[in-house]
Amino acid sequence: MQWDLAQPFTTRFVVAAEAIDHYRHVNNAEYLRYIEEVSWQHSNQLGLTMDDYERLDRALVVIRHEIDYLAPAFEGEELEMATWIVEYDQRFRVARRFQLIRVSDQKTLMRGYTYFACVALSNGRLRRLPEEFNTHYLPALVTENLTQASQK
């Protein structure tokens, strides 16, 4: 796959019938579900689960999504979604970048950014990122100027 950045965390899936809208392609809102799913899979792979978030009384809540829909996806197509942590200020904010590719022709269908703020689960107030988040997420930070092409 031709990923925009090096070291992607990826997951593959097949477009389900439920994802299709009245235009007969994947509904735009479905891409948000894909973003959430790959984000949690990546977090789990890095060693942070929902149980850890609850134990630490912290959450990373979305404060902004930016999505560029580049081409449609259709029922039955195999897609691969990549994510990277591209901003991590070690205080309150985290950002992820996303790229969705159709496997059959390797066409990029979507690119996105999601910005998160760290809050307490118990009251929703802004809180510092806990040290345990720093330990797991900071090593996964990818500098945006590192592309696969520059790695060759």
N, C-alpha and C. Protein backbone atom coordinates (compact mmCIF):
# COMPACT_ATOMS: atom_id res chain seq x y z
N MET A 1 0.84 -1.19 0.00
CA MET A 1 0.00 0.00 0.00
C MET A 1 0.88 1.25 0.00
N GLN A 2 0.40 2.27 -0.65
CA GLN A 2 1.13 3.54 -0.71
C GLN A 2 0.60 4.45 0.39
N TRP A 3 1.15 4.33 1.58
CA TRP A 3 0.70 5.13 2.72
C TRP A 3 1.35 6.50 2.69
N ASP A 4 0.63 7.48 3.19
CA ASP A 4 1.12 8.85 3.22
C ASP A 4 2.28 9.03 4.19
N LEU A 5 2.29 8.25 5.26
CA LEU A 5 3.32 8.34 6.28
C LEU A 5 3.89 6.96 6.56
N ALA A 6 5.06 6.93 7.14
CA ALA A 6 5.69 5.67 7.52
C ALA A 6 5.02 5.11 8.77
N GLN A 7 5.24 3.85 9.02
CA GLN A 7 4.84 3.16 10.24
C GLN A 7 3.34 3.24 10.54
N PRO A 8 2.48 2.91 9.57
CA PRO A 8 1.05 2.97 9.85
C PRO A 8 0.61 1.79 10.72
N PHE A 9 -0.42 2.03 11.52
CA PHE A 9 -1.16 0.92 12.11
C PHE A 9 -2.35 0.73 11.19
N THR A 10 -2.58 -0.48 10.72
CA THR A 10 -3.64 -0.71 9.74
C THR A 10 -4.58 -1.82 10.16
N THR A 11 -5.76 -1.76 9.61
CA THR A 11 -6.74 -2.83 9.76
C THR A 11 -7.51 -2.94 8.45
N ARG A 12 -7.88 -4.17 8.11
CA ARG A 12 -8.65 -4.41 6.88
C ARG A 12 -10.06 -4.85 7.24
N PHE A 13 -10.99 -4.52 6.37
CA PHE A 13 -12.37 -4.93 6.55
C PHE A 13 -13.08 -4.90 5.21
N VAL A 14 -14.23 -5.57 5.18
CA VAL A 14 -15.07 -5.61 3.98
C VAL A 14 -16.29 -4.75 4.25
N VAL A 15 -16.67 -3.92 3.29
CA VAL A 15 -17.82 -3.04 3.44
C VAL A 15 -19.09 -3.88 3.56
N ALA A 16 -19.80 -3.67 4.65
CA ALA A 16 -21.05 -4.39 4.91
C ALA A 16 -22.23 -3.69 4.24
N ALA A 17 -23.29 -4.43 4.01
CA ALA A 17 -24.49 -3.87 3.39
C ALA A 17 -25.07 -2.72 4.22
N GLU A 18 -24.95 -2.80 5.53
CA GLU A 18 -25.49 -1.77 6.41
C GLU A 18 -24.79 -0.42 6.25
N ALA A 19 -23.60 -0.42 5.67
CA ALA A 19 -22.84 0.81 5.49
C ALA A 19 -23.28 1.61 4.26
N ILE A 20 -24.12 1.01 3.43
CA ILE A 20 -24.50 1.61 2.16
C ILE A 20 -25.72 2.52 2.35
N ASP A 21 -25.66 3.69 1.70
CA ASP A 21 -26.76 4.65 1.82
C ASP A 21 -27.62 4.66 0.55
N HIS A 22 -28.52 5.61 0.46
CA HIS A 22 -29.44 5.68 -0.68
C HIS A 22 -28.74 6.03 -2.00
N TYR A 23 -27.49 6.47 -1.94
CA TYR A 23 -26.72 6.71 -3.16
C TYR A 23 -25.96 5.45 -3.61
N ARG A 24 -26.14 4.36 -2.86
CA ARG A 24 -25.55 3.05 -3.14
C ARG A 24 -24.03 3.00 -2.95
N HIS A 25 -23.52 3.88 -2.10
CA HIS A 25 -22.11 3.79 -1.69
C HIS A 25 -22.05 3.96 -0.18
N VAL A 26 -20.84 3.84 0.37
CA VAL A 26 -20.69 3.94 1.82
C VAL A 26 -21.12 5.33 2.26
N ASN A 27 -21.99 5.37 3.25
CA ASN A 27 -22.47 6.62 3.81
C ASN A 27 -21.31 7.37 4.46
N ASN A 28 -21.28 8.68 4.31
CA ASN A 28 -20.19 9.49 4.87
C ASN A 28 -20.02 9.29 6.37
N ALA A 29 -21.12 9.13 7.09
CA ALA A 29 -21.04 8.94 8.54
C ALA A 29 -20.34 7.63 8.90
N GLU A 30 -20.37 6.67 8.01
CA GLU A 30 -19.73 5.38 8.27
C GLU A 30 -18.22 5.53 8.42
N TYR A 31 -17.65 6.50 7.72
CA TYR A 31 -16.21 6.72 7.82
C TYR A 31 -15.81 7.10 9.26
N LEU A 32 -16.69 7.79 9.97
CA LEU A 32 -16.41 8.10 11.37
C LEU A 32 -16.34 6.84 12.21
N ARG A 33 -17.21 5.88 11.90
CA ARG A 33 -17.17 4.60 12.62
C ARG A 33 -15.84 3.89 12.32
N TYR A 34 -15.40 3.92 11.07
CA TYR A 34 -14.12 3.30 10.72
C TYR A 34 -12.97 3.98 11.48
N ILE A 35 -13.03 5.31 11.56
CA ILE A 35 -12.00 6.07 12.29
C ILE A 35 -11.97 5.67 13.75
N GLU A 36 -13.14 5.58 14.36
CA GLU A 36 -13.19 5.19 15.78
C GLU A 36 -12.65 3.78 15.98
N GLU A 37 -13.06 2.87 15.12
CA GLU A 37 -12.63 1.48 15.25
C GLU A 37 -11.12 1.33 15.14
N VAL A 38 -10.51 1.92 14.11
CA VAL A 38 -9.06 1.78 13.95
C VAL A 38 -8.32 2.49 15.09
N SER A 39 -8.87 3.59 15.60
CA SER A 39 -8.23 4.28 16.72
C SER A 39 -8.18 3.40 17.96
N TRP A 40 -9.30 2.74 18.27
CA TRP A 40 -9.32 1.84 19.44
C TRP A 40 -8.44 0.63 19.22
N GLN A 41 -8.44 0.07 18.02
CA GLN A 41 -7.55 -1.07 17.76
C GLN A 41 -6.09 -0.67 17.96
N HIS A 42 -5.73 0.51 17.48
CA HIS A 42 -4.36 0.99 17.64
C HIS A 42 -4.03 1.21 19.11
N SER A 43 -4.93 1.84 19.84
CA SER A 43 -4.71 2.06 21.27
C SER A 43 -4.52 0.74 22.00
N ASN A 44 -5.38 -0.22 21.69
CA ASN A 44 -5.26 -1.54 22.34
C ASN A 44 -3.92 -2.18 22.01
N GLN A 45 -3.50 -2.08 20.76
CA GLN A 45 -2.21 -2.65 20.35
C GLN A 45 -1.05 -1.96 21.07
N LEU A 46 -1.20 -0.68 21.36
CA LEU A 46 -0.16 0.07 22.09
C LEU A 46 -0.18 -0.21 23.58
N GLY A 47 -1.23 -0.90 24.05
CA GLY A 47 -1.28 -1.29 25.46
C GLY A 47 -2.26 -0.51 26.30
N LEU A 48 -3.14 0.29 25.70
CA LEU A 48 -4.14 1.04 26.45
C LEU A 48 -5.54 0.63 25.99
N THR A 49 -6.31 0.11 26.92
CA THR A 49 -7.67 -0.34 26.64
C THR A 49 -8.67 0.56 27.35
N MET A 50 -9.95 0.33 27.07
CA MET A 50 -10.98 1.09 27.76
C MET A 50 -10.90 0.87 29.27
N ASP A 51 -10.53 -0.32 29.70
CA ASP A 51 -10.36 -0.58 31.14
C ASP A 51 -9.29 0.33 31.74
N ASP A 52 -8.21 0.57 30.99
CA ASP A 52 -7.16 1.48 31.47
C ASP A 52 -7.68 2.91 31.56
N TYR A 53 -8.43 3.33 30.56
CA TYR A 53 -9.01 4.67 30.58
C TYR A 53 -9.90 4.83 31.82
N GLU A 54 -10.73 3.84 32.10
CA GLU A 54 -11.62 3.92 33.26
C GLU A 54 -10.82 3.94 34.56
N ARG A 55 -9.80 3.08 34.66
CA ARG A 55 -8.96 3.03 35.87
C ARG A 55 -8.27 4.38 36.11
N LEU A 56 -7.85 5.04 35.04
CA LEU A 56 -7.14 6.32 35.14
C LEU A 56 -8.09 7.52 35.17
N ASP A 57 -9.40 7.28 35.04
CA ASP A 57 -10.41 8.34 35.00
C ASP A 57 -10.07 9.38 33.92
N ARG A 58 -9.76 8.86 32.74
CA ARG A 58 -9.43 9.74 31.62
C ARG A 58 -10.11 9.25 30.35
N ALA A 59 -10.30 10.20 29.42
CA ALA A 59 -10.82 9.91 28.10
C ALA A 59 -10.18 10.87 27.12
N LEU A 60 -9.99 10.40 25.91
CA LEU A 60 -9.60 11.27 24.81
C LEU A 60 -10.87 11.51 24.00
N VAL A 61 -11.40 12.72 24.10
CA VAL A 61 -12.65 13.04 23.41
C VAL A 61 -12.35 13.85 22.15
N VAL A 62 -13.12 13.57 21.14
CA VAL A 62 -12.95 14.27 19.86
C VAL A 62 -13.36 15.72 20.02
N ILE A 63 -12.49 16.62 19.57
CA ILE A 63 -12.84 18.04 19.54
C ILE A 63 -12.97 18.54 18.10
N ARG A 64 -12.43 17.75 17.14
CA ARG A 64 -12.55 18.16 15.74
C ARG A 64 -12.22 16.99 14.84
N HIS A 65 -13.02 16.82 13.80
CA HIS A 65 -12.73 15.89 12.71
C HIS A 65 -12.53 16.71 11.44
N GLU A 66 -11.56 16.33 10.64
CA GLU A 66 -11.40 16.86 9.29
C GLU A 66 -11.33 15.66 8.37
N ILE A 67 -12.26 15.56 7.43
CA ILE A 67 -12.30 14.41 6.53
C ILE A 67 -12.41 14.89 5.09
N ASP A 68 -11.53 14.37 4.26
CA ASP A 68 -11.60 14.59 2.83
C ASP A 68 -12.06 13.29 2.20
N TYR A 69 -13.26 13.32 1.61
CA TYR A 69 -13.81 12.16 0.91
C TYR A 69 -13.35 12.25 -0.54
N LEU A 70 -12.51 11.33 -0.96
CA LEU A 70 -11.88 11.43 -2.27
C LEU A 70 -12.53 10.57 -3.34
N ALA A 71 -13.11 9.46 -2.93
CA ALA A 71 -13.79 8.56 -3.87
C ALA A 71 -14.69 7.63 -3.07
N PRO A 72 -15.76 7.14 -3.70
CA PRO A 72 -16.69 6.29 -2.98
C PRO A 72 -16.19 4.86 -2.80
N ALA A 73 -16.73 4.20 -1.78
CA ALA A 73 -16.53 2.76 -1.56
C ALA A 73 -17.89 2.10 -1.66
N PHE A 74 -17.89 0.82 -2.03
CA PHE A 74 -19.13 0.11 -2.30
C PHE A 74 -19.20 -1.20 -1.53
N GLU A 75 -20.40 -1.71 -1.40
CA GLU A 75 -20.64 -2.96 -0.67
C GLU A 75 -19.74 -4.07 -1.21
N GLY A 76 -19.16 -4.80 -0.27
CA GLY A 76 -18.33 -5.95 -0.60
C GLY A 76 -16.87 -5.64 -0.87
N GLU A 77 -16.52 -4.36 -0.98
CA GLU A 77 -15.12 -4.02 -1.25
C GLU A 77 -14.28 -4.21 0.02
N GLU A 78 -13.05 -4.66 -0.20
CA GLU A 78 -12.10 -4.78 0.91
C GLU A 78 -11.35 -3.45 1.02
N LEU A 79 -11.34 -2.90 2.22
CA LEU A 79 -10.68 -1.63 2.48
C LEU A 79 -9.63 -1.81 3.56
N GLU A 80 -8.62 -0.96 3.52
CA GLU A 80 -7.60 -0.95 4.57
C GLU A 80 -7.48 0.48 5.10
N MET A 81 -7.63 0.60 6.41
CA MET A 81 -7.57 1.91 7.08
C MET A 81 -6.27 1.97 7.87
N ALA A 82 -5.57 3.09 7.72
CA ALA A 82 -4.34 3.33 8.48
C ALA A 82 -4.54 4.51 9.41
N THR A 83 -3.83 4.48 10.52
CA THR A 83 -3.82 5.62 11.43
C THR A 83 -2.42 5.83 11.97
N TRP A 84 -2.16 7.07 12.33
CA TRP A 84 -0.91 7.48 12.95
C TRP A 84 -1.22 8.51 14.02
N ILE A 85 -0.48 8.48 15.11
CA ILE A 85 -0.51 9.59 16.07
C ILE A 85 0.48 10.61 15.54
N VAL A 86 -0.01 11.81 15.19
CA VAL A 86 0.84 12.80 14.55
C VAL A 86 1.08 14.05 15.40
N GLU A 87 0.33 14.18 16.47
CA GLU A 87 0.55 15.27 17.43
C GLU A 87 0.33 14.70 18.82
N TYR A 88 1.20 15.08 19.73
CA TYR A 88 1.07 14.63 21.12
C TYR A 88 1.82 15.64 21.98
N ASP A 89 1.08 16.53 22.64
CA ASP A 89 1.74 17.62 23.35
C ASP A 89 2.16 17.29 24.78
N GLN A 90 1.87 16.06 25.25
CA GLN A 90 2.19 15.59 26.59
C GLN A 90 1.47 16.37 27.69
N ARG A 91 0.48 17.17 27.28
CA ARG A 91 -0.28 17.93 28.26
C ARG A 91 -1.77 17.60 28.15
N PHE A 92 -2.41 18.04 27.05
CA PHE A 92 -3.85 17.89 26.93
C PHE A 92 -4.33 17.36 25.58
N ARG A 93 -3.51 17.49 24.53
CA ARG A 93 -4.01 17.25 23.17
C ARG A 93 -3.26 16.14 22.45
N VAL A 94 -4.03 15.43 21.62
CA VAL A 94 -3.52 14.36 20.78
C VAL A 94 -4.20 14.52 19.42
N ALA A 95 -3.49 14.20 18.35
CA ALA A 95 -4.11 14.19 17.03
C ALA A 95 -3.69 12.92 16.29
N ARG A 96 -4.65 12.40 15.55
CA ARG A 96 -4.41 11.24 14.70
C ARG A 96 -4.68 11.63 13.25
N ARG A 97 -3.96 10.96 12.38
CA ARG A 97 -4.18 11.10 10.96
C ARG A 97 -4.66 9.76 10.43
N PHE A 98 -5.48 9.78 9.36
CA PHE A 98 -6.08 8.57 8.81
C PHE A 98 -5.97 8.57 7.30
N GLN A 99 -5.91 7.37 6.74
CA GLN A 99 -5.95 7.18 5.30
C GLN A 99 -6.69 5.87 5.03
N LEU A 100 -7.64 5.89 4.12
CA LEU A 100 -8.41 4.71 3.77
C LEU A 100 -8.14 4.37 2.31
N ILE A 101 -7.73 3.12 2.05
CA ILE A 101 -7.39 2.66 0.71
C ILE A 101 -8.25 1.46 0.34
N ARG A 102 -8.73 1.45 -0.91
CA ARG A 102 -9.41 0.27 -1.45
C ARG A 102 -8.32 -0.70 -1.88
N VAL A 103 -8.38 -1.92 -1.39
CA VAL A 103 -7.31 -2.90 -1.62
C VAL A 103 -7.19 -3.27 -3.10
N SER A 104 -8.28 -3.44 -3.81
CA SER A 104 -8.24 -3.95 -5.19
C SER A 104 -7.44 -3.07 -6.15
N ASP A 105 -7.55 -1.76 -6.01
CA ASP A 105 -6.82 -0.87 -6.93
C ASP A 105 -5.88 0.09 -6.20
N GLN A 106 -5.80 -0.07 -4.88
CA GLN A 106 -4.94 0.76 -4.02
C GLN A 106 -5.23 2.25 -4.15
N LYS A 107 -6.48 2.58 -4.42
CA LYS A 107 -6.90 3.98 -4.52
C LYS A 107 -7.21 4.50 -3.11
N THR A 108 -6.69 5.69 -2.80
CA THR A 108 -7.02 6.34 -1.54
C THR A 108 -8.41 6.93 -1.65
N LEU A 109 -9.30 6.52 -0.74
CA LEU A 109 -10.69 6.95 -0.75
C LEU A 109 -10.96 8.09 0.23
N MET A 110 -10.17 8.17 1.28
CA MET A 110 -10.42 9.16 2.33
C MET A 110 -9.12 9.46 3.06
N ARG A 111 -8.99 10.72 3.44
CA ARG A 111 -7.92 11.15 4.35
C ARG A 111 -8.57 11.96 5.45
N GLY A 112 -8.03 11.86 6.66
CA GLY A 112 -8.63 12.62 7.74
C GLY A 112 -7.67 12.89 8.88
N TYR A 113 -8.09 13.85 9.69
CA TYR A 113 -7.43 14.18 10.94
C TYR A 113 -8.50 14.20 12.02
N THR A 114 -8.14 13.73 13.19
CA THR A 114 -9.01 13.86 14.35
C THR A 114 -8.18 14.43 15.49
N TYR A 115 -8.72 15.45 16.12
CA TYR A 115 -8.06 16.11 17.24
C TYR A 115 -8.81 15.74 18.52
N PHE A 116 -8.07 15.38 19.55
CA PHE A 116 -8.64 14.94 20.82
C PHE A 116 -8.14 15.83 21.95
N ALA A 117 -8.96 15.92 22.98
CA ALA A 117 -8.56 16.56 24.24
C ALA A 117 -8.73 15.54 25.35
N CYS A 118 -7.87 15.61 26.33
CA CYS A 118 -7.93 14.70 27.47
C CYS A 118 -8.84 15.30 28.54
N VAL A 119 -9.82 14.50 28.96
CA VAL A 119 -10.75 14.93 30.01
C VAL A 119 -10.88 13.82 31.05
N ALA A 120 -11.39 14.19 32.22
CA ALA A 120 -11.72 13.21 33.26
C ALA A 120 -13.03 12.53 32.87
N LEU A 121 -13.05 11.22 32.90
CA LEU A 121 -14.29 10.49 32.61
C LEU A 121 -15.37 10.83 33.62
N SER A 122 -14.96 11.08 34.86
CA SER A 122 -15.92 11.29 35.94
C SER A 122 -16.71 12.60 35.83
N ASN A 123 -16.11 13.63 35.21
CA ASN A 123 -16.83 14.91 35.15
C ASN A 123 -16.70 15.65 33.82
N GLY A 124 -15.94 15.12 32.87
CA GLY A 124 -15.82 15.73 31.55
C GLY A 124 -14.93 16.96 31.50
N ARG A 125 -14.25 17.26 32.57
CA ARG A 125 -13.37 18.45 32.59
C ARG A 125 -11.99 18.14 32.03
N LEU A 126 -11.41 19.14 31.40
CA LEU A 126 -10.08 19.02 30.84
C LEU A 126 -9.09 18.60 31.94
N ARG A 127 -8.29 17.59 31.63
CA ARG A 127 -7.26 17.11 32.56
C ARG A 127 -6.00 16.78 31.77
N ARG A 128 -4.89 16.82 32.47
CA ARG A 128 -3.61 16.48 31.84
C ARG A 128 -3.60 15.01 31.43
N LEU A 129 -2.88 14.75 30.34
CA LEU A 129 -2.66 13.37 29.93
C LEU A 129 -1.89 12.65 31.03
N PRO A 130 -2.36 11.51 31.47
CA PRO A 130 -1.64 10.80 32.53
C PRO A 130 -0.31 10.23 32.02
N GLU A 131 0.60 10.04 32.91
CA GLU A 131 1.93 9.52 32.55
C GLU A 131 1.81 8.19 31.82
N GLU A 132 0.85 7.37 32.19
CA GLU A 132 0.67 6.09 31.51
C GLU A 132 0.32 6.28 30.03
N PHE A 133 -0.45 7.31 29.70
CA PHE A 133 -0.72 7.63 28.29
C PHE A 133 0.58 8.01 27.60
N ASN A 134 1.37 8.87 28.26
CA ASN A 134 2.65 9.29 27.68
C ASN A 134 3.54 8.08 27.39
N THR A 135 3.57 7.13 28.30
CA THR A 135 4.40 5.95 28.15
C THR A 135 4.01 5.13 26.93
N HIS A 136 2.72 5.03 26.65
CA HIS A 136 2.25 4.20 25.55
C HIS A 136 2.12 4.96 24.23
N TYR A 137 1.63 6.19 24.27
CA TYR A 137 1.34 6.92 23.04
C TYR A 137 2.54 7.68 22.48
N LEU A 138 3.34 8.25 23.34
CA LEU A 138 4.45 9.08 22.85
C LEU A 138 5.43 8.31 21.95
N PRO A 139 5.78 7.05 22.27
CA PRO A 139 6.67 6.32 21.36
C PRO A 139 6.05 6.05 19.98
N ALA A 140 4.72 6.12 19.88
CA ALA A 140 4.04 5.87 18.60
C ALA A 140 3.91 7.13 17.75
N LEU A 141 4.35 8.26 18.26
CA LEU A 141 4.25 9.52 17.53
C LEU A 141 5.06 9.43 16.24
N VAL A 142 4.41 9.77 15.12
CA VAL A 142 5.04 9.74 13.80
C VAL A 142 5.16 11.18 13.31
N THR A 143 6.36 11.55 12.92
CA THR A 143 6.57 12.87 12.35
C THR A 143 6.02 12.88 10.93
N GLU A 144 5.21 13.87 10.62
CA GLU A 144 4.50 13.88 9.34
C GLU A 144 5.40 13.98 8.13
N ASN A 145 6.63 14.40 8.25
CA ASN A 145 7.48 14.49 7.07
C ASN A 145 8.18 13.16 6.76
N LEU A 146 7.91 12.13 7.56
CA LEU A 146 8.50 10.82 7.28
C LEU A 146 7.55 10.03 6.40
N THR A 147 7.78 10.02 5.11
CA THR A 147 6.96 9.24 4.19
C THR A 147 7.66 7.96 3.84
N GLN A 148 6.93 7.02 3.31
CA GLN A 148 7.56 5.77 2.89
C GLN A 148 8.63 6.03 1.85
N ALA A 149 8.38 6.99 0.98
CA ALA A 149 9.37 7.29 -0.05
C ALA A 149 10.70 7.72 0.56
N SER A 150 10.64 8.46 1.66
CA SER A 150 11.88 8.91 2.28
C SER A 150 12.55 7.80 3.07
N GLN A 151 11.82 6.72 3.33
CA GLN A 151 12.39 5.58 4.05
C GLN A 151 13.16 4.63 3.14
N LYS A 152 12.97 4.75 1.82
CA LYS A 152 13.60 3.82 0.87
C LYS A 152 15.04 4.16 0.62
